[in-house]
Amino acid sequence: GVAWYTSIDDLPQVDAVSVATPPQAHYGVTKALLMRDMHVFCEKPMTVVPEEGYELAEMSRARGLQLGVGFKMRHEPIFKAAREYLPEIGNIISVVTTKQQEFNPRPEGAWVKKTGAMYELSIHDFDLIGYITGHWPEKVLYSKLSHRFGWEAEDAFHIIADCGGFTANLQGMYATSCTFAFKDLTITIMGENGYMRIERPDRIVMHTDTHRVIEVDPKGVNSFEAELTHFRDACLGLEENTVTAERAAALTEFIETARRMSV
C-alpha cells in the first residue's frame, strides 16, 4: 500500500528522504533532493567522486539541510563499548583492521563489481577507526589492490595509512566462500599501555597490566533503525548530526588516492 514513483520529479514534497540506490547514482539523486530543500540520508559511500561529495556537503550547509551518511556500524554495541575502554591502552601507536566476507553474486549485487571492496566492504572500517579514536585514515603511505576476480574495481586491498598521529594497516577482501555470521571484522588498536582487539560483533580482548575478555551483547540494537533515528532527531534539531557529509567526502578522497597509488 505504499506509494511508489519512477521519477524524483513525481515525488511529493516531504521532510526527508533516504537514498538507497547503487552508489554510482547517489550523487545525482541526493543533489536533486537537496535542490528541492529536503533533508537527505544517503547510504554509504555518499559519492564515489570526492569533488561531488564536497559539493553536496556545501550545498546542504548553504541550504540549512541535514545530510546524513549510512555508517550504521557506529551504532553497534561492540564499537560503542570500544570507545569506553580505549583510554586504558594509553597513547595510540598503531591500528590494524581485517575484514573478510564471501562475495554473493546475486543479480542485484552486480554493482559491487564496479564499486569495489574498499567502498562496499571496508569504508565502514575506515570510519570506525575515526569513530573510536577520533583520528581517521588520512594519508595513504602504501596501497596494493587485488583484481583476482576480474572486476572493474578491486576485490581485495592492503593499505598502510597515516591517521594523523599513528599508523593504520588496513586489509579487506572478498572470499570465494566463507561464513558471514557477523564475525567479519577485527580491529586491533595498540597503545603505550597495551592493546585492545575488537572482534565484531560481541567480544573485546584487553591486554594491559592484565588480560581479560569482555563480552558485549549485540542483541536488542538494530543499527539500521538506530542510524535513521539519529538522523530523524538531527532533522528535528534534537541532536547534532555526528556523521557528516564532509567526513564521508574525505573517506571517498582517501579511497580514490589508494586506487591511484596502488603498486
Protein backbone atom coordinates (compact mmCIF):
# COMPACT_ATOMS: atom_id res chain seq x y z
CA GLY A 1 0.00 0.00 0.00
CA VAL A 2 2.99 2.34 -0.09
CA ALA A 3 3.07 4.91 -2.88
CA TRP A 4 5.90 4.49 -5.41
CA TYR A 5 7.32 6.62 -8.20
CA THR A 6 9.72 6.12 -11.08
CA SER A 7 10.97 9.72 -11.13
CA ILE A 8 12.20 12.10 -8.46
CA ASP A 9 10.17 14.79 -10.21
CA ASP A 10 6.97 12.91 -9.28
CA LEU A 11 7.90 12.66 -5.61
CA PRO A 12 5.70 14.94 -3.48
CA GLN A 13 7.39 17.41 -1.15
CA VAL A 14 8.40 15.63 2.07
CA ASP A 15 10.64 16.48 5.01
CA ALA A 16 13.36 13.88 4.44
CA VAL A 17 14.37 11.10 2.07
CA SER A 18 16.57 8.03 2.48
CA VAL A 19 18.68 7.32 -0.61
CA ALA A 20 19.43 3.60 -1.05
CA THR A 21 20.30 3.38 -4.74
CA PRO A 22 23.53 1.80 -6.02
CA PRO A 23 26.46 4.11 -5.13
CA GLN A 24 27.06 5.44 -8.63
CA ALA A 25 23.60 7.07 -8.51
CA HIS A 26 23.94 8.65 -5.05
CA TYR A 27 25.29 12.00 -6.23
CA GLY A 28 22.60 12.78 -8.79
CA VAL A 29 19.70 11.64 -6.62
CA THR A 30 20.97 13.38 -3.48
CA LYS A 31 21.68 16.64 -5.30
CA ALA A 32 18.20 16.68 -6.83
CA LEU A 33 16.58 16.16 -3.42
CA LEU A 34 18.70 18.84 -1.75
CA MET A 35 17.73 21.27 -4.51
CA ARG A 36 14.13 20.62 -3.54
CA ASP A 37 15.02 21.51 0.07
CA MET A 38 14.57 18.04 1.54
CA HIS A 39 16.81 16.60 4.24
CA VAL A 40 18.69 13.58 2.86
CA PHE A 41 20.05 10.43 4.46
CA CYS A 42 22.36 8.76 1.93
CA GLU A 43 23.72 5.24 2.21
CA LYS A 44 27.49 4.83 2.09
CA PRO A 45 29.50 5.69 0.12
CA MET A 46 27.88 9.10 -0.24
CA THR A 47 29.66 9.53 -3.58
CA VAL A 48 32.47 7.80 -5.47
CA VAL A 49 33.95 11.13 -6.62
CA PRO A 50 35.49 13.32 -3.87
CA GLU A 51 34.61 16.64 -5.50
CA GLU A 52 30.96 15.60 -5.73
CA GLY A 53 30.94 14.71 -2.05
CA TYR A 54 32.33 18.09 -1.00
CA GLU A 55 29.81 19.79 -3.32
CA LEU A 56 26.90 18.01 -1.61
CA ALA A 57 28.28 18.88 1.81
CA GLU A 58 28.48 22.57 0.90
CA MET A 59 25.03 22.52 -0.73
CA SER A 60 23.36 21.04 2.36
CA ARG A 61 25.13 23.54 4.62
CA ALA A 62 24.17 26.51 2.44
CA ARG A 63 20.52 25.43 2.37
CA GLY A 64 20.35 24.64 6.08
CA LEU A 65 19.59 20.98 5.43
CA GLN A 66 20.76 17.83 7.16
CA LEU A 67 22.80 15.42 5.02
CA GLY A 68 23.49 12.17 6.85
CA VAL A 69 25.52 9.17 5.70
CA GLY A 70 24.91 5.49 6.41
CA PHE A 71 27.84 4.49 8.60
CA LYS A 72 25.50 2.32 10.60
CA MET A 73 28.18 0.21 12.29
CA ARG A 74 28.86 3.13 14.66
CA HIS A 75 25.61 2.16 16.36
CA GLU A 76 26.61 -1.45 17.07
CA PRO A 77 27.15 -2.02 20.82
CA ILE A 78 30.62 -3.53 20.31
CA PHE A 79 32.05 -0.30 18.87
CA LYS A 80 30.33 1.93 21.41
CA ALA A 81 31.91 -0.21 24.13
CA ALA A 82 35.33 0.03 22.46
CA ARG A 83 35.25 3.80 22.83
CA GLU A 84 34.74 3.41 26.56
CA TYR A 85 37.66 1.00 27.03
CA LEU A 86 40.08 2.80 24.67
CA PRO A 87 41.69 5.09 27.32
CA GLU A 88 43.07 2.04 29.14
CA ILE A 89 45.67 1.35 26.43
CA GLY A 90 47.13 4.87 26.55
CA ASN A 91 48.60 6.81 23.64
CA ILE A 92 47.79 5.03 20.37
CA ILE A 93 50.71 3.73 18.31
CA SER A 94 49.03 1.73 15.55
CA VAL A 95 45.78 0.17 14.32
CA VAL A 96 45.17 -2.98 12.26
CA THR A 97 41.84 -3.80 10.62
CA THR A 98 40.95 -7.11 8.97
CA LYS A 99 37.68 -7.55 7.05
CA GLN A 100 36.60 -10.58 5.05
CA GLN A 101 33.27 -11.58 3.56
CA GLU A 102 32.07 -14.03 0.96
CA PHE A 103 31.03 -12.43 -2.32
CA ASN A 104 27.48 -13.49 -3.07
CA PRO A 105 26.95 -12.84 -6.78
CA ARG A 106 23.23 -12.05 -6.61
CA PRO A 107 21.95 -10.30 -9.74
CA GLU A 108 21.01 -7.22 -7.71
CA GLY A 109 24.53 -7.14 -6.24
CA ALA A 110 26.28 -6.90 -9.60
CA TRP A 111 27.12 -3.23 -9.00
CA VAL A 112 29.56 -4.34 -6.24
CA LYS A 113 31.96 -5.38 -9.02
CA LYS A 114 32.02 -1.77 -10.16
CA THR A 115 32.07 -0.24 -6.68
CA GLY A 116 34.79 -2.45 -5.17
CA ALA A 117 35.82 -3.82 -1.80
CA MET A 118 37.00 -0.55 -0.29
CA TYR A 119 33.68 1.25 -0.78
CA GLU A 120 31.30 -1.65 -0.32
CA LEU A 121 33.16 -3.76 2.25
CA SER A 122 35.53 -1.62 4.28
CA ILE A 123 34.62 2.07 4.22
CA HIS A 124 32.82 1.16 7.46
CA ASP A 125 36.16 0.02 8.91
CA PHE A 126 37.87 3.27 7.92
CA ASP A 127 35.08 5.26 9.54
CA LEU A 128 35.15 3.14 12.70
CA ILE A 129 38.82 3.96 13.27
CA GLY A 130 37.84 7.61 13.49
CA TYR A 131 34.69 6.96 15.48
CA ILE A 132 36.63 5.02 18.12
CA THR A 133 39.89 7.02 18.24
CA GLY A 134 38.96 10.44 16.85
CA HIS A 135 41.57 10.11 14.06
CA TRP A 136 40.52 8.92 10.59
CA PRO A 137 42.80 7.48 7.88
CA GLU A 138 44.16 10.49 6.01
CA LYS A 139 47.36 9.96 4.06
CA VAL A 140 47.99 6.82 2.01
CA LEU A 141 51.55 5.55 2.56
CA TYR A 142 51.23 2.26 0.64
CA SER A 143 48.47 0.64 -1.39
CA LYS A 144 48.12 -2.67 -3.18
CA LEU A 145 44.83 -3.75 -4.74
CA SER A 146 43.77 -7.17 -6.00
CA HIS A 147 41.73 -7.91 -9.14
CA ARG A 148 41.79 -11.70 -8.98
CA PHE A 149 38.04 -11.89 -9.79
CA GLY A 150 38.43 -9.77 -12.93
CA TRP A 151 36.15 -6.99 -11.64
CA GLU A 152 36.28 -3.40 -12.82
CA ALA A 153 37.08 -2.45 -9.20
CA GLU A 154 39.21 -4.17 -6.56
CA ASP A 155 38.11 -7.38 -4.81
CA ALA A 156 40.76 -7.03 -2.07
CA PHE A 157 43.18 -4.41 -0.77
CA HIS A 158 46.08 -3.76 1.59
CA ILE A 159 46.70 -0.17 2.64
CA ILE A 160 49.11 1.44 5.08
CA ALA A 161 47.88 4.87 6.14
CA ASP A 162 48.73 7.77 8.40
CA CYS A 163 45.89 8.60 10.76
CA GLY A 164 47.31 11.90 11.98
CA GLY A 165 49.41 10.58 14.82
CA PHE A 166 49.52 6.82 14.35
CA THR A 167 49.77 4.29 11.52
CA ALA A 168 46.96 2.06 10.28
CA ASN A 169 47.35 -1.27 8.48
CA LEU A 170 44.10 -1.81 6.58
CA GLN A 171 43.18 -5.12 4.98
CA GLY A 172 39.96 -6.31 3.38
CA MET A 173 38.87 -8.89 0.85
CA TYR A 174 36.01 -10.77 -0.70
CA ALA A 175 36.48 -14.53 -0.40
CA THR A 176 35.18 -17.21 -2.72
CA SER A 177 33.42 -18.86 0.24
CA CYS A 178 33.25 -18.26 3.97
CA THR A 179 30.57 -17.85 6.61
CA PHE A 180 29.44 -14.31 7.45
CA ALA A 181 27.76 -14.75 10.87
CA PHE A 182 28.66 -11.09 11.60
CA LYS A 183 32.21 -12.22 12.53
CA ASP A 184 33.75 -10.48 9.56
CA LEU A 185 35.81 -7.72 11.20
CA THR A 186 38.55 -7.37 13.78
CA ILE A 187 40.18 -4.09 14.81
CA THR A 188 43.35 -4.18 16.91
CA ILE A 189 44.47 -0.92 18.50
CA MET A 190 47.94 -0.89 20.06
CA GLY A 191 48.83 1.71 22.67
CA GLU A 192 51.61 2.61 25.09
CA ASN A 193 49.90 0.60 27.86
CA GLY A 194 48.77 -2.44 25.86
CA TYR A 195 46.31 -3.38 23.15
CA MET A 196 42.59 -3.72 22.56
CA ARG A 197 41.27 -6.18 20.00
CA ILE A 198 37.68 -5.70 18.88
CA GLU A 199 36.03 -8.78 17.42
CA ARG A 200 32.71 -7.99 15.81
CA PRO A 201 30.02 -8.44 16.99
CA ASP A 202 30.45 -9.44 20.62
CA ARG A 203 33.98 -9.65 22.02
CA ILE A 204 36.71 -7.25 23.16
CA VAL A 205 40.11 -8.51 24.31
CA MET A 206 42.06 -6.16 26.59
CA HIS A 207 45.75 -6.80 27.25
CA THR A 208 47.28 -4.19 29.56
CA ASP A 209 48.65 -4.95 33.01
CA THR A 210 46.05 -7.73 33.00
CA HIS A 211 44.39 -9.81 30.30
CA ARG A 212 40.63 -10.01 30.13
CA VAL A 213 37.87 -10.75 27.65
CA ILE A 214 34.81 -8.52 27.63
CA GLU A 215 31.62 -9.97 26.21
CA VAL A 216 29.32 -7.41 24.59
CA ASP A 217 25.72 -8.40 23.88
CA PRO A 218 24.88 -7.31 20.30
CA LYS A 219 21.20 -8.16 20.63
CA GLY A 220 18.49 -5.61 21.12
CA VAL A 221 20.03 -2.99 18.82
CA ASN A 222 19.00 -2.65 15.19
CA SER A 223 21.78 -0.49 13.78
CA PHE A 224 19.74 0.48 10.71
CA GLU A 225 16.92 1.70 12.93
CA ALA A 226 19.39 3.45 15.23
CA GLU A 227 21.10 5.40 12.46
CA LEU A 228 17.78 6.56 11.00
CA THR A 229 16.51 7.54 14.44
CA HIS A 230 19.67 9.60 14.93
CA PHE A 231 19.17 11.27 11.57
CA ARG A 232 15.50 11.99 12.28
CA ASP A 233 16.42 13.61 15.59
CA ALA A 234 19.07 15.72 13.84
CA CYS A 235 16.45 16.92 11.35
CA LEU A 236 14.18 17.83 14.27
CA GLY A 237 17.01 19.73 15.96
CA LEU A 238 17.05 17.38 18.92
CA GLU A 239 20.69 16.38 18.49
CA GLU A 240 23.73 17.09 16.34
CA ASN A 241 24.33 15.03 13.22
CA THR A 242 27.55 13.17 14.05
CA VAL A 243 28.02 11.52 10.63
CA THR A 244 28.91 14.50 8.48
CA ALA A 245 28.97 14.74 4.71
CA GLU A 246 32.44 16.32 4.92
CA ARG A 247 33.79 13.23 6.64
CA ALA A 248 32.18 10.96 4.06
CA ALA A 249 33.72 13.01 1.24
CA ALA A 250 37.14 12.80 2.91
CA LEU A 251 36.88 8.99 3.04
CA THR A 252 36.00 8.95 -0.66
CA GLU A 253 39.12 11.03 -1.31
CA PHE A 254 41.17 8.57 0.76
CA ILE A 255 39.89 5.58 -1.23
CA GLU A 256 40.46 7.23 -4.59
CA THR A 257 44.02 8.12 -3.52
CA ALA A 258 44.62 4.47 -2.57
CA ARG A 259 43.48 3.45 -6.04
CA ARG A 260 45.82 5.88 -7.77
CA MET A 261 48.78 4.84 -5.61
CA SER A 262 48.29 1.08 -5.94
CA VAL A 263 51.51 -0.76 -6.78
